[in-house]
Amino acid sequence: MAIEKADVVRSLAGRDAGELFYVSSTDGEYAYIVNGRDRRLEKPKKKKLKHLEPVERGRDRTDRKLRAGEKVTNSELRRALASKAGDGNKEV
């Protein structure tokens, strides 16, 4: 599965290994990831695609808003990622 905007991904390398993030955008071999806490929408982290594992293709409200380019708050991101972490991170 190719990583696209608004996908939920797990970091495989670095200090943030194992954490869930949303992809705010992609640029060739890089993705810009956010989680609303350490990496806010205003300052996403640039990470190589090979260091990310796709977890879920967005289906909830936050995912749709990110994909459509609508305003999303950092607290919305935190809540959505917390609910996904509670779901057991099922592969899709």
N, C-alpha and C. Protein backbone atom coordinates (compact mmCIF):
# COMPACT_ATOMS: atom_id res chain seq x y z
N MET A 1 0.85 -1.17 0.00
CA MET A 1 0.00 0.00 0.00
C MET A 1 0.90 1.24 0.00
N ALA A 2 0.70 2.10 -0.95
CA ALA A 2 1.45 3.35 -1.03
C ALA A 2 0.94 4.32 0.04
N ILE A 3 1.85 5.10 0.58
CA ILE A 3 1.49 6.06 1.62
C ILE A 3 1.04 7.35 0.96
N GLU A 4 -0.15 7.82 1.35
CA GLU A 4 -0.74 9.03 0.81
C GLU A 4 -1.14 9.97 1.93
N LYS A 5 -1.53 11.17 1.55
CA LYS A 5 -2.01 12.18 2.50
C LYS A 5 -3.19 11.61 3.30
N ALA A 6 -3.21 11.88 4.60
CA ALA A 6 -4.25 11.49 5.54
C ALA A 6 -4.20 10.03 5.96
N ASP A 7 -3.19 9.28 5.54
CA ASP A 7 -3.03 7.91 6.01
C ASP A 7 -2.48 7.92 7.43
N VAL A 8 -2.79 6.87 8.17
CA VAL A 8 -2.21 6.68 9.49
C VAL A 8 -1.03 5.75 9.30
N VAL A 9 0.12 6.15 9.84
CA VAL A 9 1.35 5.37 9.69
C VAL A 9 2.02 5.17 11.05
N ARG A 10 2.86 4.16 11.11
CA ARG A 10 3.66 3.89 12.30
C ARG A 10 5.12 4.15 11.93
N SER A 11 5.81 4.86 12.78
CA SER A 11 7.23 5.13 12.57
C SER A 11 8.02 3.87 12.89
N LEU A 12 8.96 3.52 12.01
CA LEU A 12 9.78 2.33 12.20
C LEU A 12 11.18 2.63 12.70
N ALA A 13 11.62 3.88 12.61
CA ALA A 13 12.98 4.23 12.98
C ALA A 13 13.02 5.58 13.68
N GLY A 14 14.04 5.76 14.48
CA GLY A 14 14.23 7.04 15.16
C GLY A 14 13.67 7.02 16.57
N ARG A 15 13.69 8.19 17.20
CA ARG A 15 13.19 8.31 18.58
C ARG A 15 11.70 8.03 18.68
N ASP A 16 10.99 8.27 17.59
CA ASP A 16 9.55 8.11 17.60
C ASP A 16 9.11 6.73 17.10
N ALA A 17 10.01 5.76 17.05
CA ALA A 17 9.69 4.42 16.55
C ALA A 17 8.53 3.83 17.34
N GLY A 18 7.57 3.28 16.60
CA GLY A 18 6.40 2.65 17.22
C GLY A 18 5.21 3.58 17.39
N GLU A 19 5.40 4.87 17.24
CA GLU A 19 4.30 5.82 17.43
C GLU A 19 3.48 5.97 16.15
N LEU A 20 2.19 6.32 16.33
CA LEU A 20 1.29 6.55 15.21
C LEU A 20 1.29 8.02 14.82
N PHE A 21 1.18 8.27 13.53
CA PHE A 21 1.13 9.62 12.99
C PHE A 21 0.15 9.67 11.82
N TYR A 22 -0.32 10.86 11.51
CA TYR A 22 -1.03 11.13 10.26
C TYR A 22 -0.03 11.69 9.27
N VAL A 23 -0.22 11.39 8.00
CA VAL A 23 0.59 11.98 6.95
C VAL A 23 -0.11 13.27 6.51
N SER A 24 0.55 14.40 6.69
CA SER A 24 -0.06 15.67 6.29
C SER A 24 0.20 15.96 4.81
N SER A 25 1.32 15.44 4.27
CA SER A 25 1.60 15.55 2.84
C SER A 25 2.77 14.64 2.50
N THR A 26 2.99 14.44 1.20
CA THR A 26 4.12 13.64 0.74
C THR A 26 4.88 14.44 -0.31
N ASP A 27 6.16 14.11 -0.45
CA ASP A 27 7.01 14.83 -1.38
C ASP A 27 8.08 13.87 -1.89
N GLY A 28 7.79 13.14 -2.96
CA GLY A 28 8.75 12.20 -3.50
C GLY A 28 9.01 11.05 -2.56
N GLU A 29 10.21 11.01 -1.98
CA GLU A 29 10.56 9.92 -1.07
C GLU A 29 10.34 10.28 0.40
N TYR A 30 9.73 11.43 0.67
CA TYR A 30 9.50 11.88 2.04
C TYR A 30 8.01 12.05 2.32
N ALA A 31 7.66 11.89 3.60
CA ALA A 31 6.31 12.20 4.07
C ALA A 31 6.46 13.19 5.22
N TYR A 32 5.50 14.05 5.36
CA TYR A 32 5.46 15.00 6.48
C TYR A 32 4.40 14.48 7.44
N ILE A 33 4.84 14.15 8.66
CA ILE A 33 3.94 13.47 9.60
C ILE A 33 3.64 14.36 10.80
N VAL A 34 2.42 14.19 11.34
CA VAL A 34 1.96 14.98 12.48
C VAL A 34 1.18 14.06 13.43
N ASN A 35 1.20 14.43 14.71
CA ASN A 35 0.39 13.70 15.69
C ASN A 35 -0.38 14.64 16.61
N GLY A 36 -0.21 15.94 16.44
CA GLY A 36 -0.95 16.90 17.25
C GLY A 36 -0.34 17.17 18.61
N ARG A 37 0.67 16.43 19.00
CA ARG A 37 1.31 16.60 20.30
C ARG A 37 2.74 17.06 20.10
N ASP A 38 3.64 16.14 19.83
CA ASP A 38 5.05 16.50 19.62
C ASP A 38 5.23 17.13 18.25
N ARG A 39 4.54 16.63 17.28
CA ARG A 39 4.60 17.13 15.91
C ARG A 39 3.25 17.71 15.54
N ARG A 40 3.16 19.02 15.66
CA ARG A 40 1.91 19.72 15.41
C ARG A 40 1.76 20.04 13.93
N LEU A 41 0.57 20.39 13.52
CA LEU A 41 0.29 20.72 12.12
C LEU A 41 1.15 21.87 11.62
N GLU A 42 1.49 22.79 12.51
CA GLU A 42 2.28 23.95 12.12
C GLU A 42 3.73 23.58 11.81
N LYS A 43 4.21 22.47 12.34
CA LYS A 43 5.60 22.07 12.15
C LYS A 43 5.70 20.54 12.03
N PRO A 44 5.32 20.00 10.88
CA PRO A 44 5.38 18.54 10.70
C PRO A 44 6.81 18.03 10.60
N LYS A 45 6.98 16.75 10.88
CA LYS A 45 8.30 16.12 10.79
C LYS A 45 8.46 15.51 9.40
N LYS A 46 9.61 15.77 8.78
CA LYS A 46 9.93 15.20 7.47
C LYS A 46 10.60 13.85 7.71
N LYS A 47 10.03 12.79 7.14
CA LYS A 47 10.56 11.45 7.38
C LYS A 47 10.53 10.66 6.08
N LYS A 48 11.56 9.86 5.84
CA LYS A 48 11.62 9.04 4.64
C LYS A 48 10.51 7.99 4.66
N LEU A 49 9.94 7.74 3.50
CA LEU A 49 8.85 6.78 3.39
C LEU A 49 9.27 5.38 3.82
N LYS A 50 10.55 5.02 3.60
CA LYS A 50 11.00 3.68 3.97
C LYS A 50 11.03 3.48 5.48
N HIS A 51 10.94 4.56 6.25
CA HIS A 51 10.91 4.46 7.71
C HIS A 51 9.51 4.52 8.28
N LEU A 52 8.50 4.40 7.40
CA LEU A 52 7.10 4.44 7.82
C LEU A 52 6.38 3.18 7.37
N GLU A 53 5.48 2.69 8.22
CA GLU A 53 4.67 1.53 7.91
C GLU A 53 3.20 1.97 7.84
N PRO A 54 2.51 1.74 6.72
CA PRO A 54 1.10 2.10 6.65
C PRO A 54 0.29 1.25 7.64
N VAL A 55 -0.59 1.89 8.37
CA VAL A 55 -1.42 1.18 9.34
C VAL A 55 -2.87 1.16 8.86
N GLU A 56 -3.35 2.32 8.38
CA GLU A 56 -4.76 2.40 8.02
C GLU A 56 -4.99 3.49 6.99
N ARG A 57 -5.83 3.20 6.04
CA ARG A 57 -6.28 4.22 5.09
C ARG A 57 -7.46 4.91 5.74
N GLY A 58 -7.41 6.23 5.79
CA GLY A 58 -8.39 7.01 6.52
C GLY A 58 -9.84 6.78 6.15
N ARG A 59 -10.67 6.59 7.18
CA ARG A 59 -12.10 6.42 6.96
C ARG A 59 -12.95 7.27 7.88
N ASP A 60 -12.37 7.87 8.91
CA ASP A 60 -13.19 8.65 9.82
C ASP A 60 -13.19 10.13 9.44
N ARG A 61 -13.83 10.91 10.25
CA ARG A 61 -14.03 12.34 9.94
C ARG A 61 -12.72 13.11 9.82
N THR A 62 -11.80 12.87 10.74
CA THR A 62 -10.51 13.57 10.72
C THR A 62 -9.74 13.24 9.45
N ASP A 63 -9.76 11.97 9.05
CA ASP A 63 -9.07 11.55 7.82
C ASP A 63 -9.66 12.26 6.60
N ARG A 64 -10.97 12.31 6.53
CA ARG A 64 -11.63 12.96 5.39
C ARG A 64 -11.32 14.46 5.34
N LYS A 65 -11.30 15.11 6.52
CA LYS A 65 -10.99 16.54 6.56
C LYS A 65 -9.56 16.82 6.11
N LEU A 66 -8.62 15.99 6.55
CA LEU A 66 -7.22 16.17 6.14
C LEU A 66 -7.08 15.99 4.63
N ARG A 67 -7.72 14.96 4.09
CA ARG A 67 -7.63 14.67 2.67
C ARG A 67 -8.24 15.79 1.83
N ALA A 68 -9.33 16.38 2.32
CA ALA A 68 -10.03 17.44 1.59
C ALA A 68 -9.36 18.80 1.76
N GLY A 69 -8.41 18.90 2.67
CA GLY A 69 -7.73 20.17 2.89
C GLY A 69 -8.49 21.12 3.79
N GLU A 70 -9.46 20.58 4.54
CA GLU A 70 -10.23 21.41 5.48
C GLU A 70 -9.41 21.63 6.75
N LYS A 71 -9.84 22.59 7.56
CA LYS A 71 -9.13 22.91 8.80
C LYS A 71 -9.28 21.76 9.80
N VAL A 72 -8.14 21.32 10.31
CA VAL A 72 -8.09 20.27 11.33
C VAL A 72 -7.27 20.81 12.48
N THR A 73 -7.72 20.59 13.69
CA THR A 73 -6.97 21.07 14.85
C THR A 73 -6.06 19.97 15.39
N ASN A 74 -5.07 20.39 16.15
CA ASN A 74 -4.16 19.42 16.76
C ASN A 74 -4.88 18.52 17.75
N SER A 75 -5.87 19.04 18.45
CA SER A 75 -6.62 18.21 19.39
C SER A 75 -7.44 17.14 18.66
N GLU A 76 -7.95 17.46 17.48
CA GLU A 76 -8.66 16.46 16.68
C GLU A 76 -7.71 15.32 16.30
N LEU A 77 -6.50 15.68 15.91
CA LEU A 77 -5.50 14.66 15.56
C LEU A 77 -5.19 13.76 16.74
N ARG A 78 -4.99 14.37 17.91
CA ARG A 78 -4.67 13.58 19.11
C ARG A 78 -5.79 12.61 19.45
N ARG A 79 -7.04 13.09 19.40
CA ARG A 79 -8.19 12.23 19.71
C ARG A 79 -8.31 11.08 18.72
N ALA A 80 -8.17 11.39 17.42
CA ALA A 80 -8.30 10.36 16.39
C ALA A 80 -7.20 9.31 16.52
N LEU A 81 -5.97 9.72 16.77
CA LEU A 81 -4.88 8.77 16.91
C LEU A 81 -5.03 7.94 18.18
N ALA A 82 -5.55 8.54 19.25
CA ALA A 82 -5.78 7.79 20.48
C ALA A 82 -6.84 6.71 20.27
N SER A 83 -7.88 7.03 19.52
CA SER A 83 -8.92 6.02 19.26
C SER A 83 -8.38 4.91 18.36
N LYS A 84 -7.52 5.25 17.42
CA LYS A 84 -6.93 4.23 16.55
C LYS A 84 -5.96 3.35 17.33
N ALA A 85 -5.23 3.92 18.27
CA ALA A 85 -4.32 3.14 19.11
C ALA A 85 -5.11 2.18 19.98
N GLY A 86 -6.29 2.61 20.41
CA GLY A 86 -7.16 1.76 21.23
C GLY A 86 -7.82 0.65 20.45
N ASP A 87 -7.90 0.78 19.12
CA ASP A 87 -8.52 -0.24 18.27
C ASP A 87 -7.58 -1.41 18.02
N GLY A 88 -6.37 -1.35 18.50
CA GLY A 88 -5.41 -2.42 18.29
C GLY A 88 -4.64 -2.29 16.98
N ASN A 89 -4.82 -1.15 16.29
CA ASN A 89 -4.08 -0.89 15.04
C ASN A 89 -4.21 -2.02 14.03
N LYS A 90 -5.43 -2.38 13.71
CA LYS A 90 -5.66 -3.43 12.72
C LYS A 90 -5.13 -2.99 11.38
N GLU A 91 -4.46 -3.88 10.68
CA GLU A 91 -3.96 -3.61 9.33
C GLU A 91 -5.13 -3.55 8.37
N VAL A 92 -5.08 -2.60 7.45
CA VAL A 92 -6.14 -2.49 6.43
C VAL A 92 -5.52 -2.52 5.07
